[in-house]
Amino acid sequence: MNLKDTFAIPSQVMARQVGDETVILDLASGTYYGLDPVGARIWQLVGEGRTLAGICEMLLGEYAVDREVLERDAQLLMEALHSRGLVVCS
C-alpha cells in the first residue's frame, strides 16, 4: 500500500455520521467500527475517490501536522480498514 493507491468502499459497507465521528457497519459480518473526526475526514475523502497522496494533501491544509506523521498515520488507517474489508484498492 502506498500513497499512489486509490481506494473504494465495498457495497456491503455502510457508514453514517454521528456527531463528529463516523460509524461504519460491515453488513457481511455485522461488525461496527468507529472513526474519530480525523478518521471520519479521511473516510469522506476516500469516498470522493482521491488517492492516499491526495487525501494527505487535503489534510495538510486542514490540520497542523507534520507531513511524515500524517502520511504514516493515514497509511496505517488505510491498512487497518483494508485488512477488515472496509475498503478495497481500486
N, C-alpha and C. Protein backbone atom coordinates (compact mmCIF):
# COMPACT_ATOMS: atom_id res chain seq x y z
N MET A 1 0.85 -1.17 0.00
CA MET A 1 0.00 0.00 0.00
C MET A 1 0.90 1.24 0.00
N ASN A 2 0.60 2.16 -0.93
CA ASN A 2 1.42 3.36 -1.00
C ASN A 2 0.54 4.58 -1.26
N LEU A 3 1.17 5.72 -1.32
CA LEU A 3 0.45 6.99 -1.44
C LEU A 3 -0.25 7.17 -2.79
N LYS A 4 0.13 6.38 -3.79
CA LYS A 4 -0.50 6.50 -5.10
C LYS A 4 -1.78 5.68 -5.20
N ASP A 5 -2.05 4.85 -4.19
CA ASP A 5 -3.24 4.00 -4.21
C ASP A 5 -4.52 4.80 -4.06
N THR A 6 -5.55 4.35 -4.75
CA THR A 6 -6.90 4.87 -4.61
C THR A 6 -7.73 3.75 -4.01
N PHE A 7 -8.68 4.10 -3.18
CA PHE A 7 -9.50 3.11 -2.50
C PHE A 7 -10.96 3.30 -2.84
N ALA A 8 -11.72 2.23 -2.68
CA ALA A 8 -13.16 2.28 -2.87
C ALA A 8 -13.82 1.60 -1.67
N ILE A 9 -15.04 1.98 -1.42
CA ILE A 9 -15.80 1.41 -0.31
C ILE A 9 -16.71 0.34 -0.89
N PRO A 10 -16.55 -0.92 -0.45
CA PRO A 10 -17.37 -2.01 -0.99
C PRO A 10 -18.86 -1.80 -0.69
N SER A 11 -19.71 -2.42 -1.50
CA SER A 11 -21.15 -2.22 -1.36
C SER A 11 -21.71 -2.77 -0.05
N GLN A 12 -21.01 -3.72 0.59
CA GLN A 12 -21.51 -4.27 1.85
C GLN A 12 -21.11 -3.43 3.06
N VAL A 13 -20.49 -2.29 2.82
CA VAL A 13 -20.05 -1.41 3.91
C VAL A 13 -20.89 -0.14 3.91
N MET A 14 -21.50 0.14 5.05
CA MET A 14 -22.34 1.33 5.22
C MET A 14 -21.67 2.24 6.25
N ALA A 15 -21.83 3.53 6.09
CA ALA A 15 -21.27 4.48 7.05
C ALA A 15 -22.26 5.60 7.30
N ARG A 16 -22.27 6.08 8.53
CA ARG A 16 -23.12 7.19 8.91
C ARG A 16 -22.35 8.13 9.82
N GLN A 17 -22.61 9.40 9.66
CA GLN A 17 -22.02 10.42 10.52
C GLN A 17 -22.84 10.49 11.80
N VAL A 18 -22.18 10.40 12.94
CA VAL A 18 -22.83 10.53 14.24
C VAL A 18 -22.04 11.57 15.04
N GLY A 19 -22.56 12.76 15.10
CA GLY A 19 -21.81 13.85 15.72
C GLY A 19 -20.58 14.15 14.88
N ASP A 20 -19.41 14.15 15.51
CA ASP A 20 -18.18 14.39 14.76
C ASP A 20 -17.44 13.10 14.43
N GLU A 21 -18.08 11.97 14.65
CA GLU A 21 -17.49 10.67 14.33
C GLU A 21 -18.24 10.01 13.19
N THR A 22 -17.63 8.99 12.61
CA THR A 22 -18.28 8.17 11.60
C THR A 22 -18.36 6.75 12.13
N VAL A 23 -19.55 6.17 12.00
CA VAL A 23 -19.77 4.78 12.38
C VAL A 23 -19.88 3.97 11.10
N ILE A 24 -19.10 2.91 11.01
CA ILE A 24 -19.06 2.06 9.83
C ILE A 24 -19.64 0.70 10.20
N LEU A 25 -20.50 0.16 9.34
CA LEU A 25 -21.06 -1.16 9.54
C LEU A 25 -20.69 -2.04 8.37
N ASP A 26 -20.06 -3.17 8.67
CA ASP A 26 -19.80 -4.18 7.65
C ASP A 26 -21.00 -5.13 7.66
N LEU A 27 -21.87 -5.01 6.66
CA LEU A 27 -23.08 -5.81 6.61
C LEU A 27 -22.78 -7.31 6.52
N ALA A 28 -21.65 -7.67 5.92
CA ALA A 28 -21.30 -9.08 5.77
C ALA A 28 -21.03 -9.73 7.12
N SER A 29 -20.37 -9.01 8.02
CA SER A 29 -20.01 -9.59 9.32
C SER A 29 -20.90 -9.07 10.45
N GLY A 30 -21.61 -7.97 10.21
CA GLY A 30 -22.42 -7.36 11.26
C GLY A 30 -21.59 -6.61 12.29
N THR A 31 -20.37 -6.28 11.93
CA THR A 31 -19.45 -5.62 12.86
C THR A 31 -19.46 -4.10 12.62
N TYR A 32 -19.49 -3.36 13.73
CA TYR A 32 -19.43 -1.90 13.70
C TYR A 32 -18.01 -1.43 14.01
N TYR A 33 -17.64 -0.32 13.39
CA TYR A 33 -16.36 0.32 13.65
C TYR A 33 -16.62 1.82 13.81
N GLY A 34 -15.78 2.50 14.55
CA GLY A 34 -15.91 3.93 14.73
C GLY A 34 -14.66 4.66 14.32
N LEU A 35 -14.82 5.82 13.72
CA LEU A 35 -13.69 6.67 13.33
C LEU A 35 -13.82 8.01 14.04
N ASP A 36 -12.70 8.48 14.58
CA ASP A 36 -12.68 9.80 15.20
C ASP A 36 -12.80 10.87 14.11
N PRO A 37 -12.85 12.14 14.47
CA PRO A 37 -13.06 13.18 13.45
C PRO A 37 -12.03 13.17 12.31
N VAL A 38 -10.76 12.92 12.59
CA VAL A 38 -9.76 12.89 11.52
C VAL A 38 -9.99 11.66 10.64
N GLY A 39 -10.22 10.52 11.27
CA GLY A 39 -10.53 9.30 10.51
C GLY A 39 -11.78 9.47 9.67
N ALA A 40 -12.77 10.16 10.23
CA ALA A 40 -14.02 10.43 9.50
C ALA A 40 -13.74 11.30 8.28
N ARG A 41 -12.85 12.26 8.42
CA ARG A 41 -12.49 13.12 7.27
C ARG A 41 -11.78 12.29 6.20
N ILE A 42 -10.89 11.40 6.61
CA ILE A 42 -10.22 10.52 5.65
C ILE A 42 -11.25 9.67 4.94
N TRP A 43 -12.21 9.10 5.69
CA TRP A 43 -13.26 8.27 5.10
C TRP A 43 -14.04 9.07 4.04
N GLN A 44 -14.35 10.31 4.36
CA GLN A 44 -15.07 11.17 3.42
C GLN A 44 -14.26 11.36 2.13
N LEU A 45 -12.97 11.60 2.27
CA LEU A 45 -12.11 11.82 1.10
C LEU A 45 -11.92 10.53 0.31
N VAL A 46 -11.90 9.38 0.98
CA VAL A 46 -11.86 8.09 0.27
C VAL A 46 -13.10 7.98 -0.61
N GLY A 47 -14.24 8.36 -0.07
CA GLY A 47 -15.49 8.31 -0.82
C GLY A 47 -15.51 9.21 -2.04
N GLU A 48 -14.65 10.21 -2.06
CA GLU A 48 -14.54 11.12 -3.20
C GLU A 48 -13.60 10.58 -4.26
N GLY A 49 -12.98 9.42 -4.00
CA GLY A 49 -12.11 8.79 -5.00
C GLY A 49 -10.70 9.34 -5.07
N ARG A 50 -10.25 9.99 -4.03
CA ARG A 50 -8.90 10.57 -4.02
C ARG A 50 -7.85 9.50 -3.73
N THR A 51 -6.65 9.73 -4.24
CA THR A 51 -5.53 8.87 -3.88
C THR A 51 -5.16 9.15 -2.43
N LEU A 52 -4.38 8.25 -1.84
CA LEU A 52 -3.92 8.48 -0.48
C LEU A 52 -3.07 9.75 -0.41
N ALA A 53 -2.27 10.00 -1.45
CA ALA A 53 -1.47 11.23 -1.51
C ALA A 53 -2.38 12.45 -1.55
N GLY A 54 -3.45 12.38 -2.34
CA GLY A 54 -4.40 13.48 -2.43
C GLY A 54 -5.11 13.73 -1.10
N ILE A 55 -5.43 12.65 -0.41
CA ILE A 55 -6.05 12.77 0.91
C ILE A 55 -5.09 13.48 1.86
N CYS A 56 -3.84 13.06 1.84
CA CYS A 56 -2.85 13.68 2.73
C CYS A 56 -2.66 15.16 2.40
N GLU A 57 -2.65 15.51 1.12
CA GLU A 57 -2.51 16.92 0.73
C GLU A 57 -3.67 17.75 1.28
N MET A 58 -4.88 17.21 1.18
CA MET A 58 -6.06 17.91 1.71
C MET A 58 -5.92 18.11 3.22
N LEU A 59 -5.53 17.06 3.92
CA LEU A 59 -5.42 17.13 5.38
C LEU A 59 -4.31 18.05 5.83
N LEU A 60 -3.23 18.14 5.07
CA LEU A 60 -2.15 19.07 5.42
C LEU A 60 -2.64 20.51 5.41
N GLY A 61 -3.61 20.80 4.55
CA GLY A 61 -4.18 22.14 4.50
C GLY A 61 -5.21 22.39 5.60
N GLU A 62 -5.69 21.32 6.22
CA GLU A 62 -6.75 21.44 7.21
C GLU A 62 -6.26 21.28 8.65
N TYR A 63 -5.14 20.60 8.85
CA TYR A 63 -4.65 20.32 10.19
C TYR A 63 -3.19 20.74 10.30
N ALA A 64 -2.79 21.14 11.49
CA ALA A 64 -1.39 21.47 11.77
C ALA A 64 -0.69 20.17 12.17
N VAL A 65 -0.07 19.54 11.17
CA VAL A 65 0.55 18.24 11.39
C VAL A 65 1.77 18.11 10.48
N ASP A 66 2.74 17.36 10.93
CA ASP A 66 3.93 17.07 10.15
C ASP A 66 3.58 16.10 9.02
N ARG A 67 4.06 16.35 7.82
CA ARG A 67 3.75 15.53 6.65
C ARG A 67 4.07 14.05 6.89
N GLU A 68 5.25 13.76 7.44
CA GLU A 68 5.64 12.36 7.64
C GLU A 68 4.71 11.66 8.62
N VAL A 69 4.33 12.35 9.68
CA VAL A 69 3.42 11.77 10.68
C VAL A 69 2.06 11.52 10.04
N LEU A 70 1.56 12.50 9.30
CA LEU A 70 0.27 12.37 8.64
C LEU A 70 0.27 11.21 7.65
N GLU A 71 1.28 11.14 6.80
CA GLU A 71 1.34 10.07 5.80
C GLU A 71 1.41 8.70 6.47
N ARG A 72 2.20 8.58 7.52
CA ARG A 72 2.32 7.30 8.23
C ARG A 72 0.99 6.91 8.86
N ASP A 73 0.38 7.86 9.55
CA ASP A 73 -0.89 7.57 10.23
C ASP A 73 -2.00 7.25 9.23
N ALA A 74 -2.05 7.97 8.12
CA ALA A 74 -3.06 7.71 7.09
C ALA A 74 -2.86 6.33 6.48
N GLN A 75 -1.61 5.96 6.22
CA GLN A 75 -1.34 4.63 5.68
C GLN A 75 -1.73 3.55 6.68
N LEU A 76 -1.45 3.76 7.95
CA LEU A 76 -1.83 2.77 8.97
C LEU A 76 -3.34 2.61 9.04
N LEU A 77 -4.07 3.72 8.97
CA LEU A 77 -5.53 3.64 8.99
C LEU A 77 -6.04 2.89 7.77
N MET A 78 -5.52 3.22 6.60
CA MET A 78 -5.99 2.55 5.39
C MET A 78 -5.64 1.07 5.41
N GLU A 79 -4.49 0.71 5.94
CA GLU A 79 -4.13 -0.71 6.06
C GLU A 79 -5.10 -1.42 7.00
N ALA A 80 -5.47 -0.77 8.10
CA ALA A 80 -6.41 -1.37 9.06
C ALA A 80 -7.79 -1.53 8.40
N LEU A 81 -8.26 -0.51 7.69
CA LEU A 81 -9.54 -0.59 7.02
C LEU A 81 -9.53 -1.67 5.95
N HIS A 82 -8.43 -1.74 5.21
CA HIS A 82 -8.29 -2.73 4.13
C HIS A 82 -8.26 -4.15 4.70
N SER A 83 -7.55 -4.34 5.78
CA SER A 83 -7.44 -5.69 6.37
C SER A 83 -8.79 -6.18 6.90
N ARG A 84 -9.69 -5.27 7.22
CA ARG A 84 -11.03 -5.63 7.71
C ARG A 84 -12.06 -5.67 6.58
N GLY A 85 -11.62 -5.40 5.36
CA GLY A 85 -12.53 -5.44 4.21
C GLY A 85 -13.43 -4.23 4.08
N LEU A 86 -13.07 -3.14 4.78
CA LEU A 86 -13.90 -1.94 4.74
C LEU A 86 -13.59 -1.03 3.57
N VAL A 87 -12.41 -1.22 2.97
CA VAL A 87 -12.04 -0.54 1.74
C VAL A 87 -11.28 -1.54 0.87
N VAL A 88 -11.30 -1.29 -0.43
CA VAL A 88 -10.51 -2.09 -1.37
C VAL A 88 -9.69 -1.14 -2.22
N CYS A 89 -8.52 -1.60 -2.66
CA CYS A 89 -7.71 -0.81 -3.58
C CYS A 89 -8.40 -0.86 -4.94
N SER A 90 -8.51 0.30 -5.57
CA SER A 90 -9.17 0.32 -6.87
C SER A 90 -8.23 0.85 -7.94
